[in-house]
Protein backbone atom coordinates (compact mmCIF):
# COMPACT_ATOMS: atom_id res chain seq x y z
CA UNK A 1 -14.94 -18.58 -1.24
CA UNK A 2 -11.92 -16.23 -1.24
CA UNK A 3 -12.58 -15.33 2.40
CA UNK A 4 -12.33 -19.03 3.33
CA UNK A 5 -9.06 -19.39 1.39
CA UNK A 6 -7.58 -16.37 3.16
CA UNK A 7 -8.65 -17.74 6.53
CA UNK A 8 -7.02 -21.09 5.81
CA UNK A 9 -3.83 -19.36 4.68
CA UNK A 10 -3.78 -17.16 7.76
CA UNK A 11 -4.05 -20.20 10.03
CA UNK A 12 -1.53 -22.28 8.13
CA UNK A 13 1.95 -21.00 8.92
CA UNK A 14 4.04 -19.03 11.42
CA UNK A 15 4.71 -16.17 9.05
CA UNK A 16 1.32 -14.56 9.73
CA UNK A 17 1.04 -15.22 13.43
CA UNK A 18 4.39 -14.51 15.07
CA UNK A 19 3.84 -10.78 15.72
CA UNK A 20 1.66 -9.31 18.42
CA UNK A 21 -1.09 -6.73 17.97
CA UNK A 22 1.22 -3.79 18.72
CA UNK A 23 3.45 -4.73 15.80
CA UNK A 24 0.59 -4.88 13.32
CA UNK A 25 -0.70 -1.36 13.92
CA UNK A 26 2.36 0.80 14.59
CA UNK A 27 1.88 4.45 13.62
CA UNK A 28 4.27 6.16 11.19
CA UNK A 29 7.17 8.00 12.72
CA UNK A 30 6.70 11.74 13.06
CA UNK A 31 2.90 11.75 13.15
CA UNK A 32 2.57 12.32 16.90
CA UNK A 33 0.10 10.89 19.37
CA UNK A 34 -2.91 12.09 17.41
CA UNK A 35 -2.19 9.99 14.33
CA UNK A 36 -5.18 7.93 13.26
CA UNK A 37 -3.95 6.35 10.03
CA UNK A 38 -1.49 3.46 10.26
CA UNK A 39 1.26 2.83 7.72
CA UNK A 40 4.28 0.50 7.50
CA UNK A 41 6.46 0.96 10.55
CA UNK A 42 8.77 -1.03 12.75
CA UNK A 43 10.39 -0.92 16.13
CA UNK A 44 13.08 1.69 16.47
CA UNK A 45 16.16 1.11 14.31
CA UNK A 46 19.44 2.94 14.00
CA UNK A 47 18.25 4.73 10.87
CA UNK A 48 15.02 6.70 10.38
CA UNK A 49 12.70 5.28 7.69
CA UNK A 50 13.24 8.24 5.37
CA UNK A 51 16.97 7.46 5.15
CA UNK A 52 16.40 4.05 3.62
CA UNK A 53 17.34 3.76 -0.07
CA UNK A 54 14.57 3.07 -2.60
CA UNK A 55 14.19 -0.30 -4.29
CA UNK A 56 16.22 0.87 -7.27
CA UNK A 57 19.24 1.47 -5.01
CA UNK A 58 21.84 -1.08 -3.99
CA UNK A 59 20.67 -3.80 -1.63
CA UNK A 60 22.69 -6.45 0.15
CA UNK A 61 24.04 -8.90 -2.42
CA UNK A 62 23.28 -9.10 -6.14
CA UNK A 63 19.67 -9.85 -7.02
CA UNK A 64 19.50 -10.70 -10.74
CA UNK A 65 15.98 -12.09 -10.45
CA UNK A 66 14.78 -8.83 -8.88
CA UNK A 67 16.48 -6.80 -11.61
CA UNK A 68 14.75 -8.94 -14.23
CA UNK A 69 11.42 -8.60 -12.42
CA UNK A 70 11.73 -4.81 -12.31
CA UNK A 71 12.57 -4.71 -16.00
CA UNK A 72 9.45 -6.76 -16.78
CA UNK A 73 7.47 -4.57 -14.40
CA UNK A 74 8.34 -1.35 -16.24
CA UNK A 75 7.56 -2.99 -19.57
CA UNK A 76 4.15 -4.00 -18.28
CA UNK A 77 2.20 -1.18 -19.89
CA UNK A 78 0.67 2.14 -18.90
CA UNK A 79 -1.28 2.69 -15.68
CA UNK A 80 -4.48 2.62 -17.74
CA UNK A 81 -3.56 -0.78 -19.21
CA UNK A 82 -2.71 -2.13 -15.76
CA UNK A 83 -6.01 -0.85 -14.39
CA UNK A 84 -7.97 -2.77 -17.02
CA UNK A 85 -6.44 -6.03 -15.81
CA UNK A 86 -7.44 -5.53 -12.17
CA UNK A 87 -10.16 -7.55 -10.38
CA UNK A 88 -13.84 -6.46 -10.26
CA UNK A 89 -13.44 -4.52 -7.01
CA UNK A 90 -11.69 -1.76 -8.97
CA UNK A 91 -14.11 -1.61 -11.90
CA UNK A 92 -15.24 1.92 -10.98
CA UNK A 93 -11.79 3.25 -10.10
CA UNK A 94 -9.93 5.73 -12.30
CA UNK A 95 -6.49 7.32 -12.35
CA UNK A 96 -7.85 9.86 -9.88
CA UNK A 97 -8.00 7.07 -7.30
CA UNK A 98 -4.38 6.16 -8.06
CA UNK A 99 -3.29 9.80 -7.71
CA UNK A 100 -5.15 10.11 -4.42
CA UNK A 101 -3.56 6.92 -3.13
CA UNK A 102 -0.10 8.17 -4.11
CA UNK A 103 -0.71 11.54 -2.46
CA UNK A 104 -1.92 9.95 0.76
CA UNK A 105 1.20 7.78 0.83
CA UNK A 106 3.65 10.60 0.11
CA UNK A 107 2.02 12.92 2.65
CA UNK A 108 1.19 10.24 5.24
CA UNK A 109 3.24 11.87 8.00
CA UNK A 110 1.11 15.00 7.75
CA UNK A 111 -2.20 13.19 8.25
CA UNK A 112 -3.27 13.26 11.87
CA UNK A 113 -6.77 13.27 13.35
CA UNK A 114 -8.38 16.15 11.43
CA UNK A 115 -10.28 15.72 8.19
CA UNK A 116 -8.19 16.62 5.15
CA UNK A 117 -9.55 17.83 1.82
CA UNK A 118 -7.71 16.96 -1.38
CA UNK A 119 -8.10 19.85 -3.81
CA UNK A 120 -7.11 20.52 -7.42
CA UNK A 121 -5.30 23.61 -8.65
CA UNK A 122 -8.58 25.53 -8.81
CA UNK A 123 -9.30 24.76 -5.17
CA UNK A 124 -12.16 22.39 -5.96
CA UNK A 125 -12.50 19.47 -3.55
CA UNK A 126 -11.68 16.16 -5.27
CA UNK A 127 -11.71 14.02 -2.13
CA UNK A 128 -11.90 14.14 1.65
CA UNK A 129 -9.76 11.96 3.92
CA UNK A 130 -11.40 10.84 7.16
CA UNK A 131 -8.44 9.65 9.29
CA UNK A 132 -10.48 8.27 12.18
CA UNK A 133 -12.48 6.01 9.85
CA UNK A 134 -9.54 5.33 7.50
CA UNK A 135 -11.85 6.15 4.60
CA UNK A 136 -11.82 8.64 1.74
CA UNK A 137 -14.78 10.30 0.05
CA UNK A 138 -13.89 10.60 -3.65
CA UNK A 139 -15.84 12.87 -5.99
CA UNK A 140 -17.78 10.84 -8.56
CA UNK A 141 -17.01 13.27 -11.40
CA UNK A 142 -13.69 14.91 -10.50
CA UNK A 143 -12.95 16.26 -13.97
CA UNK A 144 -9.47 16.33 -15.51
CA UNK A 145 -6.85 15.64 -12.87
CA UNK A 146 -3.19 14.95 -13.63
CA UNK A 147 -0.02 14.14 -11.68
CA UNK A 148 1.08 16.99 -9.45
CA UNK A 149 -2.27 18.78 -9.60
CA UNK A 150 -3.62 17.64 -6.22
CA UNK A 151 -2.73 18.93 -2.77
CA UNK A 152 -3.85 18.63 0.85
CA UNK A 153 -5.91 21.16 2.79
CA UNK A 154 -6.29 20.26 6.47
CA UNK A 155 -9.57 21.35 8.03
CA UNK A 156 -10.10 22.63 11.59
CA UNK A 157 -10.97 20.07 14.29
CA UNK A 158 -14.62 21.17 14.21
CA UNK A 159 -15.07 20.15 10.55
CA UNK A 160 -17.29 17.16 9.86
CA UNK A 161 -17.82 14.71 6.97
CA UNK A 162 -19.90 15.56 3.94
CA UNK A 163 -23.64 15.32 4.51
CA UNK A 164 -26.87 15.44 2.53
CA UNK A 165 -26.75 16.70 -1.05
CA UNK A 166 -23.01 17.33 -0.87
CA UNK A 167 -22.34 13.75 0.22
CA UNK A 168 -24.30 12.42 -2.78
CA UNK A 169 -21.57 13.69 -5.11
CA UNK A 170 -18.95 11.50 -3.43
CA UNK A 171 -18.37 7.78 -2.95
CA UNK A 172 -16.57 6.32 0.03
CA UNK A 173 -13.60 3.99 -0.30
CA UNK A 174 -11.03 2.80 2.22
CA UNK A 175 -7.49 4.11 2.46
CA UNK A 176 -6.19 0.54 2.08
CA UNK A 177 -8.04 0.08 -1.22
CA UNK A 178 -6.55 3.31 -2.59
CA UNK A 179 -3.02 2.38 -1.51
CA UNK A 180 -3.41 -1.12 -2.95
CA UNK A 181 -4.69 0.35 -6.23
CA UNK A 182 -1.81 2.83 -6.35
CA UNK A 183 0.69 -0.01 -5.92
CA UNK A 184 -0.96 -2.08 -8.64
CA UNK A 185 -1.33 0.49 -11.42
CA UNK A 186 1.44 3.09 -11.00
CA UNK A 187 4.81 1.62 -12.08
CA UNK A 188 6.91 3.96 -9.92
CA UNK A 189 5.09 2.82 -6.78
CA UNK A 190 7.66 0.01 -6.54
CA UNK A 191 10.35 2.61 -5.79
CA UNK A 192 8.79 3.09 -2.36
CA UNK A 193 10.12 -0.33 -1.33
CA UNK A 194 13.15 0.38 0.90
CA UNK A 195 16.43 -1.26 -0.07
CA UNK A 196 16.90 -2.53 3.48
CA UNK A 197 13.55 -4.29 3.25
CA UNK A 198 14.53 -6.07 0.05
CA UNK A 199 17.95 -6.94 1.44
CA UNK A 200 16.55 -8.69 4.51
CA UNK A 201 14.01 -11.40 5.13
CA UNK A 202 10.52 -10.45 4.00
CA UNK A 203 7.74 -11.09 6.49
CA UNK A 204 4.01 -10.79 5.87
CA UNK A 205 2.75 -9.59 9.24
CA UNK A 206 -0.94 -9.40 8.37
CA UNK A 207 -3.35 -10.02 5.50
CA UNK A 208 -4.24 -7.07 3.25
CA UNK A 209 -7.27 -5.14 4.45
CA UNK A 210 -8.90 -4.98 1.03
CA UNK A 211 -12.12 -6.39 -0.38
CA UNK A 212 -11.77 -10.12 -1.18
CA UNK A 213 -12.63 -9.46 -4.83
CA UNK A 214 -9.70 -7.03 -5.01
CA UNK A 215 -7.28 -9.96 -5.03
CA UNK A 216 -6.08 -12.01 -7.98
CA UNK A 217 -5.37 -15.72 -7.59
CA UNK A 218 -1.67 -14.82 -7.79
CA UNK A 219 -2.08 -12.67 -4.67
CA UNK A 220 -3.46 -15.66 -2.79
CA UNK A 221 -0.56 -17.77 -4.05
CA UNK A 222 1.92 -15.12 -2.89
CA UNK A 223 0.27 -14.95 0.53
CA UNK A 224 0.51 -18.73 0.71
CA UNK A 225 4.27 -18.54 0.05
CA UNK A 226 4.64 -16.03 2.87
CA UNK A 227 2.61 -18.23 5.22
CA UNK A 228 5.61 -20.59 5.46
CA UNK A 229 7.56 -17.87 7.29
CA UNK A 230 10.07 -15.10 6.49
CA UNK A 231 11.92 -15.47 3.18
CA UNK A 232 14.67 -13.59 1.42
CA UNK A 233 13.67 -11.90 -1.82
CA UNK A 234 15.86 -14.06 -4.05
CA UNK A 235 14.44 -17.27 -2.57
CA UNK A 236 10.89 -15.94 -2.89
CA UNK A 237 11.39 -15.09 -6.55
CA UNK A 238 12.62 -18.59 -7.38
CA UNK A 239 9.37 -20.03 -6.00
CA UNK A 240 7.06 -17.84 -8.10
CA UNK A 241 5.10 -19.19 -10.98
CA UNK A 242 6.40 -17.75 -14.29
CA UNK A 243 3.19 -15.86 -14.96
CA UNK A 244 3.51 -14.06 -11.60
CA UNK A 245 7.05 -12.77 -12.15
CA UNK A 246 5.96 -9.75 -14.18
CA UNK A 247 3.57 -8.69 -11.40
CA UNK A 248 5.72 -9.30 -8.31
CA UNK A 249 6.99 -5.71 -8.14
CA UNK A 250 3.46 -4.29 -8.09
CA UNK A 251 2.26 -6.97 -5.66
CA UNK A 252 5.10 -6.40 -3.18
CA UNK A 253 4.53 -2.65 -3.49
CA UNK A 254 0.83 -3.02 -2.67
CA UNK A 255 1.60 -5.27 0.30
CA UNK A 256 4.16 -2.80 1.62
CA UNK A 257 2.04 0.31 1.09
CA UNK A 258 -0.87 -1.27 2.98
CA UNK A 259 1.36 -2.14 5.94
CA UNK A 260 1.46 -5.90 5.38
CA UNK A 261 5.10 -6.39 4.40
CA UNK A 262 8.09 -5.76 6.66
CA UNK A 263 11.64 -6.99 7.10
CA UNK A 264 11.72 -9.71 9.72
CA UNK A 265 15.19 -8.60 10.80
CA UNK A 266 13.84 -5.26 12.01
CA UNK A 267 11.79 -7.11 14.59
CA UNK A 268 14.72 -9.19 15.81
CA UNK A 269 16.81 -6.22 16.98
CA UNK A 270 17.08 -5.49 20.72
CA UNK A 271 14.53 -2.97 21.95
């Protein structure tokens, strides 16, 4: 049922069909030709992505509705509370998945074609990132893992995925699901939204590559709003249903982290 709704939304308006295939899969700057994972990117601008201010910084014009939304967002409870309210697709996820998603995002420019192990402070493997497949093998019983305790360990090109008995201790999830989960449950994930993005016209360039049962009804309603075409943040916020206002920060963060949300004005600059 949800798949049919998404298909109808995708075919409805210009906002999801105006960009070509090259725009929807641009690799992150600095990753080189061997990069296999794709993250939010745009055509070349006068400023590198890392110079853009975070969402808490000043953006063009005063956005009182956004300030109110962020205040409600940070009052929305702990990551554990937020996780309990997520759809069935995340029933087996834990804060380890959120930490892995956050680590993958923060270190995305370092992920190229080789398999990367995510290890704890003791050197035990908590997860393995398979860039070519855009999947991650997450240990089923990772033990106690806290913020700042995980790090990357890139393997040589000859290294392969887990197999046999070793593989049975891990479950495979997609990178997009981890990034979406990170955006939904970790309050500070919203700070990854660049100020220039929020100051321009927001464009949904593709639908989120997550399981259909990972989406709330409010996500479908937000996608439907975007299907009408690019919209400035203030105008978008005025069209939200009241019950969605407290979630808009997390929802925009998840859309941005999974490469769905860009500023339309970046695509209108001369190449």
